Amino acid sequence: MNNLDINIIKSGGEKEKFSLEKLYGSLKRTGASDKTVNHILDIVRDELYQGISTKEIYNRAFALLKKDHSHFASKYKLKRAVFELGPTGFPFEKFISALLQFSGYETYTGDIVQGDCVKHEIDVIAHKEGETAIIECKYHSEDGLKCNVKVPLYVNSRYLDVKEHWNNSTNNITKITSGWVVTNTRFTEDAKQFGNCVGLKLLSWDYPKGEGLKDRIDRLGLYPVTVSTLLTKREKHFLLSRDVVLCRDLLNDTFFLDHLGISETRKHKILKEITMLCNS
């Protein structure tokens, strides 16, 4: 697969060489056929120019994929869909909580926990097999923003304060054994180095390799409702305000679509799209 000598501009403003392999890989991960992927690659390749942004490339590929394959387009827009969980970050915390529940954890969000020195509001508390993790979620509403070393520094101090009090309390039947930092973007190299040095579990969009958010979401089929290409922005906000964060939640609570006044024909299309997405 031959690459063109084209410089593209990433969301953070950095330049890099356009990679046909990367675009091919992101389209193939949706489940689209080789014929569909190669057709999109041919069109996008012909429309490239020096200094084109990754956003423009994404928008063009997404529009082409959406034409005939809405659930593939939904998978392709996964990263953007996570950004659409904002602006408060609370739906992102609920989303992380849901991912952990499907991995066997019992979870709670937004609890106030006493530390050795002060009280702390913990984004997500997760229990599994007698062990407890406290999780700080760092949500960004746009791409290009990274979690720097200040974040794991801050989280680690909170983690140690809560862990000391929790593990010395006779009221708790579990032991805190890990602190997590989860972000929907990426960590700087210093943040990863410090987090790994002190033993924090770091989870970002693509870190650790093969176990990042995008990999976990695809593996578990736990897509946020914001991936839908058929729901409007207003409808998505309504569902999030009712704690309907996952597509699976909507399949179980379809009456929310009736509450929104969505016609039976459109309701059928929406449910078909997210059913195919969850089962793909």
Protein backbone atom coordinates (compact mmCIF):
# COMPACT_ATOMS: atom_id res chain seq x y z
CA MET A 1 0.00 0.00 0.00
CA ASN A 2 1.78 3.13 -1.23
CA ASN A 3 1.69 6.35 0.80
CA LEU A 4 1.70 9.78 -0.77
CA ASP A 5 4.21 12.49 0.18
CA ILE A 6 1.50 14.57 1.84
CA ASN A 7 1.87 16.44 5.14
CA ILE A 8 -1.28 16.50 7.24
CA ILE A 9 -2.11 18.61 10.30
CA LYS A 10 -3.17 16.75 13.44
CA SER A 11 -5.70 18.05 15.96
CA GLY A 12 -2.94 19.34 18.25
CA GLY A 13 -1.35 21.31 15.39
CA GLU A 14 1.53 18.89 14.73
CA LYS A 15 2.48 17.87 11.20
CA GLU A 16 2.96 14.29 10.12
CA LYS A 17 3.11 12.31 6.89
CA PHE A 18 -0.21 10.97 5.66
CA SER A 19 -0.46 7.22 6.18
CA LEU A 20 -2.75 5.23 3.94
CA GLU A 21 -2.21 2.24 6.24
CA LYS A 22 -3.59 4.15 9.24
CA LEU A 23 -6.70 5.21 7.35
CA TYR A 24 -7.14 1.68 6.02
CA GLY A 25 -6.82 0.27 9.55
CA SER A 26 -9.34 2.67 11.08
CA LEU A 27 -11.88 1.87 8.35
CA LYS A 28 -11.32 -1.90 8.59
CA ARG A 29 -11.90 -1.82 12.36
CA THR A 30 -15.50 -0.81 11.66
CA GLY A 31 -16.16 -4.18 10.02
CA ALA A 32 -16.64 -2.72 6.54
CA SER A 33 -15.75 -4.96 3.58
CA ASP A 34 -12.51 -4.62 1.63
CA LYS A 35 -14.52 -3.39 -1.35
CA THR A 36 -16.10 -0.56 0.69
CA VAL A 37 -12.81 0.37 2.36
CA ASN A 38 -10.84 0.44 -0.89
CA HIS A 39 -13.56 2.53 -2.56
CA ILE A 40 -13.32 5.13 0.24
CA LEU A 41 -9.50 5.08 0.14
CA ASP A 42 -9.50 5.77 -3.61
CA ILE A 43 -11.78 8.80 -3.20
CA VAL A 44 -9.98 10.26 -0.17
CA ARG A 45 -6.56 9.74 -1.77
CA ASP A 46 -7.64 11.73 -4.84
CA GLU A 47 -8.84 14.62 -2.66
CA LEU A 48 -5.70 15.01 -0.51
CA TYR A 49 -3.61 18.20 -0.57
CA GLN A 50 -0.63 19.53 1.37
CA GLY A 51 -1.65 20.71 4.85
CA ILE A 52 -5.04 19.00 4.91
CA SER A 53 -6.24 18.44 8.48
CA THR A 54 -6.97 15.04 9.99
CA LYS A 55 -10.46 16.41 10.72
CA GLU A 56 -11.12 17.00 7.01
CA ILE A 57 -9.92 13.49 6.15
CA TYR A 58 -12.10 12.02 8.89
CA ASN A 59 -15.19 14.00 7.82
CA ARG A 60 -14.84 12.85 4.21
CA ALA A 61 -14.28 9.18 5.10
CA PHE A 62 -17.16 9.29 7.59
CA ALA A 63 -19.57 10.79 5.05
CA LEU A 64 -18.69 8.11 2.49
CA LEU A 65 -19.06 5.31 5.03
CA LYS A 66 -22.37 6.67 6.31
CA LYS A 67 -23.94 6.62 2.84
CA ASP A 68 -24.65 2.91 2.88
CA HIS A 69 -23.46 1.60 6.24
CA SER A 70 -24.71 3.65 9.19
CA HIS A 71 -23.60 1.20 11.90
CA PHE A 72 -20.09 1.02 10.41
CA ALA A 73 -20.06 4.83 10.37
CA SER A 74 -21.10 4.77 14.03
CA LYS A 75 -18.07 2.64 14.92
CA TYR A 76 -15.84 4.92 12.84
CA LYS A 77 -16.98 7.99 14.80
CA LEU A 78 -16.36 6.37 18.20
CA LYS A 79 -13.66 8.82 19.27
CA ARG A 80 -15.82 11.82 18.33
CA ALA A 81 -18.77 10.21 20.09
CA VAL A 82 -16.84 10.09 23.36
CA PHE A 83 -16.11 13.82 23.01
CA GLU A 84 -19.85 14.35 22.59
CA LEU A 85 -20.43 12.98 26.10
CA GLY A 86 -19.50 16.45 27.46
CA PRO A 87 -19.37 19.17 28.43
CA THR A 88 -19.48 18.36 32.18
CA GLY A 89 -17.56 15.08 32.14
CA PHE A 90 -20.18 13.38 34.32
CA PRO A 91 -21.56 11.20 31.48
CA PHE A 92 -17.94 10.12 30.85
CA GLU A 93 -17.67 8.97 34.47
CA LYS A 94 -20.93 7.02 34.04
CA PHE A 95 -19.55 5.56 30.83
CA ILE A 96 -16.32 4.38 32.53
CA SER A 97 -18.41 2.96 35.36
CA ALA A 98 -20.48 0.98 32.83
CA LEU A 99 -17.35 -0.38 31.11
CA LEU A 100 -16.07 -1.65 34.46
CA GLN A 101 -19.43 -3.21 35.38
CA PHE A 102 -19.27 -5.33 32.23
CA SER A 103 -15.79 -6.42 33.32
CA GLY A 104 -17.16 -7.77 36.59
CA TYR A 105 -16.81 -4.76 38.89
CA GLU A 106 -19.40 -3.34 41.27
CA THR A 107 -19.17 0.42 40.78
CA TYR A 108 -20.31 3.70 42.32
CA THR A 109 -19.90 7.23 40.96
CA GLY A 110 -19.44 10.56 42.71
CA ASP A 111 -19.09 9.23 46.29
CA ILE A 112 -17.51 11.34 49.04
CA VAL A 113 -14.81 9.31 50.80
CA GLN A 114 -12.89 10.19 53.95
CA GLY A 115 -9.13 10.31 53.59
CA ASP A 116 -6.53 10.37 56.36
CA CYS A 117 -6.33 14.17 56.02
CA VAL A 118 -9.44 15.41 54.15
CA LYS A 119 -12.56 14.15 52.37
CA HIS A 120 -12.43 13.49 48.64
CA GLU A 121 -15.08 13.18 45.95
CA ILE A 122 -14.15 10.10 43.93
CA ASP A 123 -15.31 9.87 40.31
CA VAL A 124 -15.65 6.07 40.29
CA ILE A 125 -15.17 3.49 43.03
CA ALA A 126 -14.90 -0.09 41.75
CA HIS A 127 -15.03 -3.29 43.84
CA LYS A 128 -14.04 -6.76 42.64
CA GLU A 129 -13.03 -9.92 44.54
CA GLY A 130 -12.37 -8.13 47.84
CA GLU A 131 -10.30 -5.38 46.27
CA THR A 132 -11.23 -1.76 45.59
CA ALA A 133 -9.97 0.71 43.00
CA ILE A 134 -10.49 4.45 43.12
CA ILE A 135 -10.66 6.06 39.71
CA GLU A 136 -10.19 9.66 38.61
CA CYS A 137 -11.66 10.51 35.19
CA LYS A 138 -10.07 13.34 33.21
CA TYR A 139 -12.44 14.26 30.42
CA HIS A 140 -11.55 16.60 27.55
CA SER A 141 -14.18 17.96 25.18
CA GLU A 142 -11.79 18.25 22.23
CA ASP A 143 -8.97 16.28 20.69
CA GLY A 144 -5.36 17.41 20.98
CA LEU A 145 -5.49 18.08 24.75
CA LYS A 146 -3.32 15.70 26.76
CA CYS A 147 -3.07 14.79 30.43
CA ASN A 148 0.30 16.06 31.62
CA VAL A 149 2.34 14.87 34.61
CA LYS A 150 0.42 17.15 37.02
CA VAL A 151 -2.63 14.88 36.72
CA PRO A 152 -1.09 11.60 38.01
CA LEU A 153 0.85 13.63 40.63
CA TYR A 154 -2.43 15.05 41.96
CA VAL A 155 -4.33 11.77 41.70
CA ASN A 156 -1.59 9.82 43.45
CA SER A 157 -1.65 12.12 46.49
CA ARG A 158 -5.45 11.70 46.77
CA TYR A 159 -5.15 7.96 46.28
CA LEU A 160 -2.59 7.59 49.09
CA ASP A 161 -4.67 9.73 51.47
CA VAL A 162 -7.87 7.72 50.84
CA LYS A 163 -6.05 4.37 50.86
CA GLU A 164 -4.46 5.05 54.26
CA HIS A 165 -7.79 5.80 55.95
CA TRP A 166 -9.83 3.15 54.09
CA ASN A 167 -7.46 0.25 54.73
CA ASN A 168 -7.11 1.11 58.42
CA SER A 169 -10.88 1.31 58.96
CA THR A 170 -12.66 -1.71 60.41
CA ASN A 171 -15.87 -0.60 58.65
CA ASN A 172 -14.60 -1.54 55.17
CA ILE A 173 -14.71 -5.15 54.02
CA THR A 174 -12.42 -4.54 51.04
CA LYS A 175 -8.90 -3.16 50.71
CA ILE A 176 -7.96 -0.37 48.32
CA THR A 177 -5.28 -1.86 46.13
CA SER A 178 -5.13 0.44 43.11
CA GLY A 179 -5.61 3.99 41.90
CA TRP A 180 -6.54 4.73 38.30
CA VAL A 181 -6.39 7.73 36.00
CA VAL A 182 -8.67 7.46 32.96
CA THR A 183 -8.80 9.99 30.13
CA ASN A 184 -10.57 10.09 26.77
CA THR A 185 -7.50 11.64 25.09
CA ARG A 186 -3.84 10.76 25.72
CA PHE A 187 -1.12 11.05 28.37
CA THR A 188 2.17 12.87 27.89
CA GLU A 189 5.30 10.71 28.15
CA ASP A 190 6.12 12.28 31.55
CA ALA A 191 2.61 11.43 32.82
CA LYS A 192 3.02 7.81 31.73
CA GLN A 193 6.50 7.62 33.25
CA PHE A 194 5.38 9.00 36.62
CA GLY A 195 2.15 6.99 36.73
CA ASN A 196 3.95 3.74 36.01
CA CYS A 197 6.72 4.59 38.50
CA VAL A 198 4.30 5.06 41.43
CA GLY A 199 2.02 2.20 40.40
CA LEU A 200 -1.04 4.06 39.13
CA LYS A 201 -3.12 2.31 36.48
CA LEU A 202 -3.29 4.58 33.43
CA LEU A 203 -6.02 4.20 30.82
CA SER A 204 -6.36 6.49 27.81
CA TRP A 205 -7.80 6.33 24.32
CA ASP A 206 -5.02 4.06 23.06
CA TYR A 207 -2.98 3.22 26.17
CA PRO A 208 -1.99 0.60 27.26
CA LYS A 209 -1.47 -0.78 23.77
CA GLY A 210 -4.26 -3.19 22.92
CA GLU A 211 -6.09 -2.40 26.18
CA GLY A 212 -6.97 1.27 25.68
CA LEU A 213 -10.50 2.65 25.75
CA LYS A 214 -11.13 2.12 22.04
CA ASP A 215 -10.06 -1.55 22.30
CA ARG A 216 -12.20 -2.20 25.40
CA ILE A 217 -15.26 -0.52 23.89
CA ASP A 218 -15.01 -2.52 20.65
CA ARG A 219 -14.31 -5.79 22.47
CA LEU A 220 -17.26 -5.41 24.85
CA GLY A 221 -19.61 -3.76 22.33
CA LEU A 222 -20.29 -0.99 24.87
CA TYR A 223 -20.83 2.02 22.63
CA PRO A 224 -22.10 5.36 23.97
CA VAL A 225 -25.45 6.55 22.56
CA THR A 226 -23.57 9.47 21.03
CA VAL A 227 -22.19 7.17 18.31
CA SER A 228 -25.59 7.00 16.64
CA THR A 229 -25.70 8.66 13.23
CA LEU A 230 -29.51 8.81 13.34
CA LEU A 231 -30.15 10.51 16.70
CA THR A 232 -30.02 14.31 16.76
CA LYS A 233 -27.80 16.28 19.12
CA ARG A 234 -30.87 17.31 21.15
CA GLU A 235 -32.04 13.71 21.43
CA LYS A 236 -28.61 12.55 22.58
CA HIS A 237 -28.50 15.25 25.26
CA PHE A 238 -31.95 14.21 26.46
CA LEU A 239 -30.88 10.56 26.76
CA LEU A 240 -27.66 11.46 28.61
CA SER A 241 -29.63 13.64 31.02
CA ARG A 242 -31.72 10.52 31.84
CA ASP A 243 -28.55 8.44 32.45
CA VAL A 244 -29.00 6.53 29.20
CA VAL A 245 -25.30 6.45 28.36
CA LEU A 246 -24.88 3.16 26.48
CA CYS A 247 -26.58 1.97 23.31
CA ARG A 248 -27.38 -1.20 25.28
CA ASP A 249 -29.26 0.97 27.81
CA LEU A 250 -31.42 2.36 25.02
CA LEU A 251 -32.23 -1.13 23.73
CA ASN A 252 -33.51 -1.95 27.21
CA ASP A 253 -35.38 1.35 27.66
CA THR A 254 -36.85 2.10 24.24
CA PHE A 255 -39.70 4.06 25.85
CA PHE A 256 -37.30 7.04 25.95
CA LEU A 257 -37.63 7.22 22.16
CA ASP A 258 -41.41 7.35 22.54
CA HIS A 259 -41.01 10.11 25.13
CA LEU A 260 -39.02 12.08 22.53
CA GLY A 261 -41.91 11.78 20.09
CA ILE A 262 -39.89 9.79 17.54
CA SER A 263 -42.03 8.17 14.85
CA GLU A 264 -42.31 4.38 14.66
CA THR A 265 -40.49 4.33 11.30
CA ARG A 266 -37.55 6.35 12.60
CA LYS A 267 -37.55 4.46 15.90
CA HIS A 268 -37.21 1.19 13.98
CA LYS A 269 -34.21 2.56 12.04
CA ILE A 270 -32.50 3.84 15.21
CA LEU A 271 -32.97 0.54 17.05
CA LYS A 272 -31.79 -1.43 14.02
CA GLU A 273 -28.64 0.71 13.81
CA ILE A 274 -27.68 0.31 17.46
CA THR A 275 -28.61 -3.39 17.55
CA MET A 276 -26.28 -4.06 14.61
CA LEU A 277 -23.63 -1.95 16.31
CA CYS A 278 -23.82 -3.79 19.64
CA ASN A 279 -23.80 -7.18 17.92
CA SER A 280 -21.06 -6.42 15.39
